[in-house]
């Protein structure tokens, strides 16, 4: 995901989202990947599962297993 995508999902500015994603990358909870428009981030599978669980708790639904890309 790009910082812009994260910003829209979080309801923050792009700069703040970039800082949060960079912090996750520094803690090894996300990887920086090259994309067509620059860099983006790929979240660690455990972070994705946690986020899915938090969303399910908030929305009252059972979380689905999130697909993991290996490319």
PDB file of N, CA and C in Angstrom:
ATOM      1  N   UNK A   1       0.845  -1.173   0.000  1.00  0.00           N
ATOM      2  CA  UNK A   1       0.000   0.000   0.000  1.00  0.00           C
ATOM      3  C   UNK A   1       0.885   1.228   0.000  1.00  0.00           C
ATOM      4  N   UNK A   2       0.359   2.261  -0.579  1.00  0.00           N
ATOM      5  CA  UNK A   2       1.079   3.530  -0.595  1.00  0.00           C
ATOM      6  C   UNK A   2       0.661   4.356   0.620  1.00  0.00           C
ATOM      7  N   UNK A   3       1.403   5.407   0.882  1.00  0.00           N
ATOM      8  CA  UNK A   3       1.045   6.298   1.988  1.00  0.00           C
ATOM      9  C   UNK A   3      -0.304   6.949   1.723  1.00  0.00           C
ATOM     10  N   UNK A   4      -0.615   7.236   0.464  1.00  0.00           N
ATOM     11  CA  UNK A   4      -1.901   7.825   0.128  1.00  0.00           C
ATOM     12  C   UNK A   4      -3.059   6.888   0.443  1.00  0.00           C
ATOM     13  N   UNK A   5      -2.878   5.613   0.125  1.00  0.00           N
ATOM     14  CA  UNK A   5      -3.908   4.611   0.427  1.00  0.00           C
ATOM     15  C   UNK A   5      -4.096   4.487   1.936  1.00  0.00           C
ATOM     16  N   UNK A   6      -2.987   4.434   2.663  1.00  0.00           N
ATOM     17  CA  UNK A   6      -3.054   4.333   4.124  1.00  0.00           C
ATOM     18  C   UNK A   6      -3.718   5.575   4.717  1.00  0.00           C
ATOM     19  N   UNK A   7      -3.397   6.746   4.178  1.00  0.00           N
ATOM     20  CA  UNK A   7      -3.982   7.989   4.684  1.00  0.00           C
ATOM     21  C   UNK A   7      -5.495   7.981   4.530  1.00  0.00           C
ATOM     22  N   UNK A   8      -5.975   7.531   3.372  1.00  0.00           N
ATOM     23  CA  UNK A   8      -7.427   7.480   3.165  1.00  0.00           C
ATOM     24  C   UNK A   8      -8.072   6.485   4.120  1.00  0.00           C
ATOM     25  N   UNK A   9      -7.438   5.339   4.343  1.00  0.00           N
ATOM     26  CA  UNK A   9      -7.995   4.321   5.243  1.00  0.00           C
ATOM     27  C   UNK A   9      -7.996   4.805   6.693  1.00  0.00           C
ATOM     28  N   UNK A  10      -6.965   5.553   7.070  1.00  0.00           N
ATOM     29  CA  UNK A  10      -6.832   6.019   8.453  1.00  0.00           C
ATOM     30  C   UNK A  10      -7.520   7.351   8.711  1.00  0.00           C
ATOM     31  N   UNK A  11      -7.868   8.053   7.648  1.00  0.00           N
ATOM     32  CA  UNK A  11      -8.468   9.375   7.811  1.00  0.00           C
ATOM     33  C   UNK A  11      -7.453  10.409   8.267  1.00  0.00           C
ATOM     34  N   UNK A  12      -6.205  10.270   7.811  1.00  0.00           N
ATOM     35  CA  UNK A  12      -5.131  11.202   8.179  1.00  0.00           C
ATOM     36  C   UNK A  12      -4.554  11.817   6.915  1.00  0.00           C
ATOM     37  N   UNK A  13      -3.571  12.653   7.108  1.00  0.00           N
ATOM     38  CA  UNK A  13      -2.840  13.198   5.973  1.00  0.00           C
ATOM     39  C   UNK A  13      -1.812  12.194   5.474  1.00  0.00           C
ATOM     40  N   UNK A  14      -1.372  12.388   4.250  1.00  0.00           N
ATOM     41  CA  UNK A  14      -0.393  11.483   3.645  1.00  0.00           C
ATOM     42  C   UNK A  14       0.919  11.489   4.412  1.00  0.00           C
ATOM     43  N   UNK A  15       1.334  12.659   4.888  1.00  0.00           N
ATOM     44  CA  UNK A  15       2.592  12.770   5.628  1.00  0.00           C
ATOM     45  C   UNK A  15       2.558  11.933   6.912  1.00  0.00           C
ATOM     46  N   UNK A  16       1.459  12.019   7.652  1.00  0.00           N
ATOM     47  CA  UNK A  16       1.327  11.243   8.888  1.00  0.00           C
ATOM     48  C   UNK A  16       1.291   9.744   8.589  1.00  0.00           C
ATOM     49  N   UNK A  17       0.573   9.363   7.539  1.00  0.00           N
ATOM     50  CA  UNK A  17       0.514   7.951   7.156  1.00  0.00           C
ATOM     51  C   UNK A  17       1.893   7.441   6.759  1.00  0.00           C
ATOM     52  N   UNK A  18       2.657   8.248   6.036  1.00  0.00           N
ATOM     53  CA  UNK A  18       4.019   7.873   5.638  1.00  0.00           C
ATOM     54  C   UNK A  18       4.887   7.639   6.873  1.00  0.00           C
ATOM     55  N   UNK A  19       4.756   8.509   7.875  1.00  0.00           N
ATOM     56  CA  UNK A  19       5.524   8.336   9.114  1.00  0.00           C
ATOM     57  C   UNK A  19       5.142   7.047   9.833  1.00  0.00           C
ATOM     58  N   UNK A  20       3.841   6.764   9.894  1.00  0.00           N
ATOM     59  CA  UNK A  20       3.386   5.531  10.547  1.00  0.00           C
ATOM     60  C   UNK A  20       3.889   4.296   9.814  1.00  0.00           C
ATOM     61  N   UNK A  21       3.821   4.309   8.492  1.00  0.00           N
ATOM     62  CA  UNK A  21       4.306   3.171   7.709  1.00  0.00           C
ATOM     63  C   UNK A  21       5.824   3.024   7.834  1.00  0.00           C
ATOM     64  N   UNK A  22       6.532   4.138   7.861  1.00  0.00           N
ATOM     65  CA  UNK A  22       7.985   4.083   8.035  1.00  0.00           C
ATOM     66  C   UNK A  22       8.344   3.523   9.406  1.00  0.00           C
ATOM     67  N   UNK A  23       7.562   3.869  10.427  1.00  0.00           N
ATOM     68  CA  UNK A  23       7.783   3.309  11.763  1.00  0.00           C
ATOM     69  C   UNK A  23       7.560   1.797  11.762  1.00  0.00           C
ATOM     70  N   UNK A  24       6.512   1.340  11.069  1.00  0.00           N
ATOM     71  CA  UNK A  24       6.266  -0.106  10.959  1.00  0.00           C
ATOM     72  C   UNK A  24       7.418  -0.795  10.236  1.00  0.00           C
ATOM     73  N   UNK A  25       7.935  -0.163   9.196  1.00  0.00           N
ATOM     74  CA  UNK A  25       9.065  -0.739   8.467  1.00  0.00           C
ATOM     75  C   UNK A  25      10.313  -0.791   9.344  1.00  0.00           C
ATOM     76  N   UNK A  26      10.542   0.247  10.128  1.00  0.00           N
ATOM     77  CA  UNK A  26      11.712   0.271  11.014  1.00  0.00           C
ATOM     78  C   UNK A  26      11.635  -0.816  12.079  1.00  0.00           C
ATOM     79  N   UNK A  27      10.405  -1.158  12.471  1.00  0.00           N
ATOM     80  CA  UNK A  27      10.207  -2.205  13.478  1.00  0.00           C
ATOM     81  C   UNK A  27      10.083  -3.594  12.840  1.00  0.00           C
ATOM     82  N   UNK A  28      10.295  -3.668  11.515  1.00  0.00           N
ATOM     83  CA  UNK A  28      10.213  -4.924  10.756  1.00  0.00           C
ATOM     84  C   UNK A  28       8.804  -5.505  10.716  1.00  0.00           C
ATOM     85  N   UNK A  29       7.785  -4.650  10.827  1.00  0.00           N
ATOM     86  CA  UNK A  29       6.390  -5.071  10.708  1.00  0.00           C
ATOM     87  C   UNK A  29       5.846  -4.771   9.323  1.00  0.00           C
ATOM     88  N   UNK A  30       6.674  -4.154   8.471  1.00  0.00           N
ATOM     89  CA  UNK A  30       6.318  -3.878   7.087  1.00  0.00           C
ATOM     90  C   UNK A  30       7.600  -3.844   6.269  1.00  0.00           C
ATOM     91  N   UNK A  31       7.468  -4.146   4.988  1.00  0.00           N
ATOM     92  CA  UNK A  31       8.593  -4.072   4.056  1.00  0.00           C
ATOM     93  C   UNK A  31       8.348  -2.931   3.091  1.00  0.00           C
ATOM     94  N   UNK A  32       9.414  -2.230   2.734  1.00  0.00           N
ATOM     95  CA  UNK A  32       9.324  -1.202   1.705  1.00  0.00           C
ATOM     96  C   UNK A  32       9.517  -1.911   0.370  1.00  0.00           C
ATOM     97  N   UNK A  33       8.590  -1.692  -0.556  1.00  0.00           N
ATOM     98  CA  UNK A  33       8.657  -2.326  -1.872  1.00  0.00           C
ATOM     99  C   UNK A  33       8.603  -1.249  -2.948  1.00  0.00           C
ATOM    100  N   UNK A  34       9.181  -1.566  -4.086  1.00  0.00           N
ATOM    101  CA  UNK A  34       9.167  -0.639  -5.217  1.00  0.00           C
ATOM    102  C   UNK A  34       7.876  -0.826  -6.000  1.00  0.00           C
ATOM    103  N   UNK A  35       7.235   0.273  -6.312  1.00  0.00           N
ATOM    104  CA  UNK A  35       6.015   0.237  -7.108  1.00  0.00           C
ATOM    105  C   UNK A  35       6.184   1.116  -8.326  1.00  0.00           C
ATOM    106  N   UNK A  36       5.220   1.083  -9.232  1.00  0.00           N
ATOM    107  CA  UNK A  36       5.329   1.884 -10.450  1.00  0.00           C
ATOM    108  C   UNK A  36       5.400   3.392 -10.176  1.00  0.00           C
ATOM    109  N   UNK A  37       4.770   3.855  -9.109  1.00  0.00           N
ATOM    110  CA  UNK A  37       4.768   5.285  -8.792  1.00  0.00           C
ATOM    111  C   UNK A  37       5.737   5.657  -7.690  1.00  0.00           C
ATOM    112  N   UNK A  38       6.668   4.785  -7.342  1.00  0.00           N
ATOM    113  CA  UNK A  38       7.598   5.038  -6.247  1.00  0.00           C
ATOM    114  C   UNK A  38       7.581   3.879  -5.275  1.00  0.00           C
ATOM    115  N   UNK A  39       7.743   4.166  -4.005  1.00  0.00           N
ATOM    116  CA  UNK A  39       7.760   3.075  -3.030  1.00  0.00           C
ATOM    117  C   UNK A  39       6.396   2.911  -2.370  1.00  0.00           C
ATOM    118  N   UNK A  40       6.199   1.722  -1.857  1.00  0.00           N
ATOM    119  CA  UNK A  40       4.976   1.378  -1.141  1.00  0.00           C
ATOM    120  C   UNK A  40       5.379   0.456   0.005  1.00  0.00           C
ATOM    121  N   UNK A  41       4.427  -0.009   0.759  1.00  0.00           N
ATOM    122  CA  UNK A  41       4.714  -0.858   1.912  1.00  0.00           C
ATOM    123  C   UNK A  41       3.886  -2.136   1.831  1.00  0.00           C
ATOM    124  N   UNK A  42       4.477  -3.228   2.249  1.00  0.00           N
ATOM    125  CA  UNK A  42       3.778  -4.503   2.365  1.00  0.00           C
ATOM    126  C   UNK A  42       3.808  -4.866   3.848  1.00  0.00           C
ATOM    127  N   UNK A  43       2.624  -4.988   4.451  1.00  0.00           N
ATOM    128  CA  UNK A  43       2.537  -5.286   5.875  1.00  0.00           C
ATOM    129  C   UNK A  43       2.856  -6.747   6.156  1.00  0.00           C
ATOM    130  N   UNK A  44       3.476  -6.986   7.297  1.00  0.00           N
ATOM    131  CA  UNK A  44       3.760  -8.337   7.760  1.00  0.00           C
ATOM    132  C   UNK A  44       2.423  -9.066   7.929  1.00  0.00           C
ATOM    133  N   UNK A  45       2.373 -10.372   7.615  1.00  0.00           N
ATOM    134  CA  UNK A  45       1.110 -11.111   7.735  1.00  0.00           C
ATOM    135  C   UNK A  45       0.466 -11.024   9.117  1.00  0.00           C
ATOM    136  N   UNK A  46       1.255 -10.960  10.182  1.00  0.00           N
ATOM    137  CA  UNK A  46       0.667 -10.858  11.517  1.00  0.00           C
ATOM    138  C   UNK A  46      -0.018  -9.514  11.734  1.00  0.00           C
ATOM    139  N   UNK A  47       0.538  -8.460  11.153  1.00  0.00           N
ATOM    140  CA  UNK A  47      -0.092  -7.138  11.251  1.00  0.00           C
ATOM    141  C   UNK A  47      -1.411  -7.161  10.496  1.00  0.00           C
ATOM    142  N   UNK A  48      -1.417  -7.803   9.329  1.00  0.00           N
ATOM    143  CA  UNK A  48      -2.653  -7.900   8.551  1.00  0.00           C
ATOM    144  C   UNK A  48      -3.718  -8.691   9.302  1.00  0.00           C
ATOM    145  N   UNK A  49      -3.336  -9.780   9.941  1.00  0.00           N
ATOM    146  CA  UNK A  49      -4.295 -10.565  10.722  1.00  0.00           C
ATOM    147  C   UNK A  49      -4.832  -9.772  11.909  1.00  0.00           C
ATOM    148  N   UNK A  50      -3.936  -9.053  12.581  1.00  0.00           N
ATOM    149  CA  UNK A  50      -4.349  -8.221  13.714  1.00  0.00           C
ATOM    150  C   UNK A  50      -5.337  -7.157  13.257  1.00  0.00           C
ATOM    151  N   UNK A  51      -5.018  -6.492  12.147  1.00  0.00           N
ATOM    152  CA  UNK A  51      -5.909  -5.449  11.627  1.00  0.00           C
ATOM    153  C   UNK A  51      -7.261  -6.045  11.243  1.00  0.00           C
ATOM    154  N   UNK A  52      -7.249  -7.227  10.652  1.00  0.00           N
ATOM    155  CA  UNK A  52      -8.501  -7.888  10.302  1.00  0.00           C
ATOM    156  C   UNK A  52      -9.327  -8.212  11.531  1.00  0.00           C
ATOM    157  N   UNK A  53      -8.657  -8.646  12.597  1.00  0.00           N
ATOM    158  CA  UNK A  53      -9.344  -8.936  13.848  1.00  0.00           C
ATOM    159  C   UNK A  53      -9.928  -7.685  14.488  1.00  0.00           C
ATOM    160  N   UNK A  54      -9.173  -6.593  14.438  1.00  0.00           N
ATOM    161  CA  UNK A  54      -9.661  -5.330  14.987  1.00  0.00           C
ATOM    162  C   UNK A  54     -10.876  -4.834  14.202  1.00  0.00           C
ATOM    163  N   UNK A  55     -10.809  -4.962  12.876  1.00  0.00           N
ATOM    164  CA  UNK A  55     -11.938  -4.551  12.052  1.00  0.00           C
ATOM    165  C   UNK A  55     -13.159  -5.414  12.357  1.00  0.00           C
ATOM    166  N   UNK A  56     -12.956  -6.715  12.506  1.00  0.00           N
ATOM    167  CA  UNK A  56     -14.068  -7.612  12.813  1.00  0.00           C
ATOM    168  C   UNK A  56     -14.692  -7.273  14.153  1.00  0.00           C
ATOM    169  N   UNK A  57     -13.855  -6.935  15.127  1.00  0.00           N
ATOM    170  CA  UNK A  57     -14.360  -6.560  16.443  1.00  0.00           C
ATOM    171  C   UNK A  57     -15.194  -5.279  16.351  1.00  0.00           C
ATOM    172  N   UNK A  58     -14.705  -4.337  15.564  1.00  0.00           N
ATOM    173  CA  UNK A  58     -15.397  -3.070  15.402  1.00  0.00           C
ATOM    174  C   UNK A  58     -16.684  -3.234  14.589  1.00  0.00           C
ATOM    175  N   UNK A  59     -16.628  -4.062  13.553  1.00  0.00           N
ATOM    176  CA  UNK A  59     -17.767  -4.240  12.657  1.00  0.00           C
ATOM    177  C   UNK A  59     -18.704  -5.362  13.102  1.00  0.00           C
ATOM    178  N   UNK A  60     -18.262  -6.209  14.044  1.00  0.00           N
ATOM    179  CA  UNK A  60     -19.083  -7.305  14.516  1.00  0.00           C
ATOM    180  C   UNK A  60     -19.145  -8.482  13.561  1.00  0.00           C
ATOM    181  N   UNK A  61     -18.103  -8.675  12.770  1.00  0.00           N
ATOM    182  CA  UNK A  61     -18.057  -9.781  11.819  1.00  0.00           C
ATOM    183  C   UNK A  61     -16.890 -10.696  12.135  1.00  0.00           C
ATOM    184  N   UNK A  62     -16.927 -11.885  11.594  1.00  0.00           N
ATOM    185  CA  UNK A  62     -15.828 -12.838  11.766  1.00  0.00           C
ATOM    186  C   UNK A  62     -14.762 -12.514  10.729  1.00  0.00           C
ATOM    187  N   UNK A  63     -13.481 -12.375  11.145  1.00  0.00           N
ATOM    188  CA  UNK A  63     -12.443 -12.027  10.168  1.00  0.00           C
ATOM    189  C   UNK A  63     -12.175 -13.165   9.191  1.00  0.00           C
ATOM    190  N   UNK A  64     -11.861 -12.792   7.957  1.00  0.00           N
ATOM    191  CA  UNK A  64     -11.428 -13.756   6.951  1.00  0.00           C
ATOM    192  C   UNK A  64      -9.911 -13.813   7.004  1.00  0.00           C
ATOM    193  N   UNK A  65      -9.357 -14.930   6.579  1.00  0.00           N
ATOM    194  CA  UNK A  65      -7.913 -15.022   6.459  1.00  0.00           C
ATOM    195  C   UNK A  65      -7.513 -14.180   5.264  1.00  0.00           C
ATOM    196  N   UNK A  66      -6.582 -13.271   5.469  1.00  0.00           N
ATOM    197  CA  UNK A  66      -6.184 -12.367   4.401  1.00  0.00           C
ATOM    198  C   UNK A  66      -5.171 -13.037   3.491  1.00  0.00           C
ATOM    199  N   UNK A  67      -5.307 -12.881   2.177  1.00  0.00           N
ATOM    200  CA  UNK A  67      -4.343 -13.510   1.271  1.00  0.00           C
ATOM    201  C   UNK A  67      -2.970 -12.874   1.423  1.00  0.00           C
ATOM    202  N   UNK A  68      -1.949 -13.671   1.229  1.00  0.00           N
ATOM    203  CA  UNK A  68      -0.568 -13.181   1.319  1.00  0.00           C
ATOM    204  C   UNK A  68       0.071 -13.370  -0.026  1.00  0.00           C
ATOM    205  N   UNK A  69       0.609 -12.276  -0.569  1.00  0.00           N
ATOM    206  CA  UNK A  69       1.336 -12.349  -1.832  1.00  0.00           C
ATOM    207  C   UNK A  69       2.781 -12.698  -1.556  1.00  0.00           C
ATOM    208  N   UNK A  70       3.349 -13.563  -2.344  1.00  0.00           N
ATOM    209  CA  UNK A  70       4.747 -13.958  -2.151  1.00  0.00           C
ATOM    210  C   UNK A  70       5.657 -13.364  -3.203  1.00  0.00           C
ATOM    211  N   UNK A  71       5.157 -12.459  -4.038  1.00  0.00           N
ATOM    212  CA  UNK A  71       5.978 -11.889  -5.118  1.00  0.00           C
ATOM    213  C   UNK A  71       6.925 -10.851  -4.616  1.00  0.00           C
TER     214      UNK A  71
END
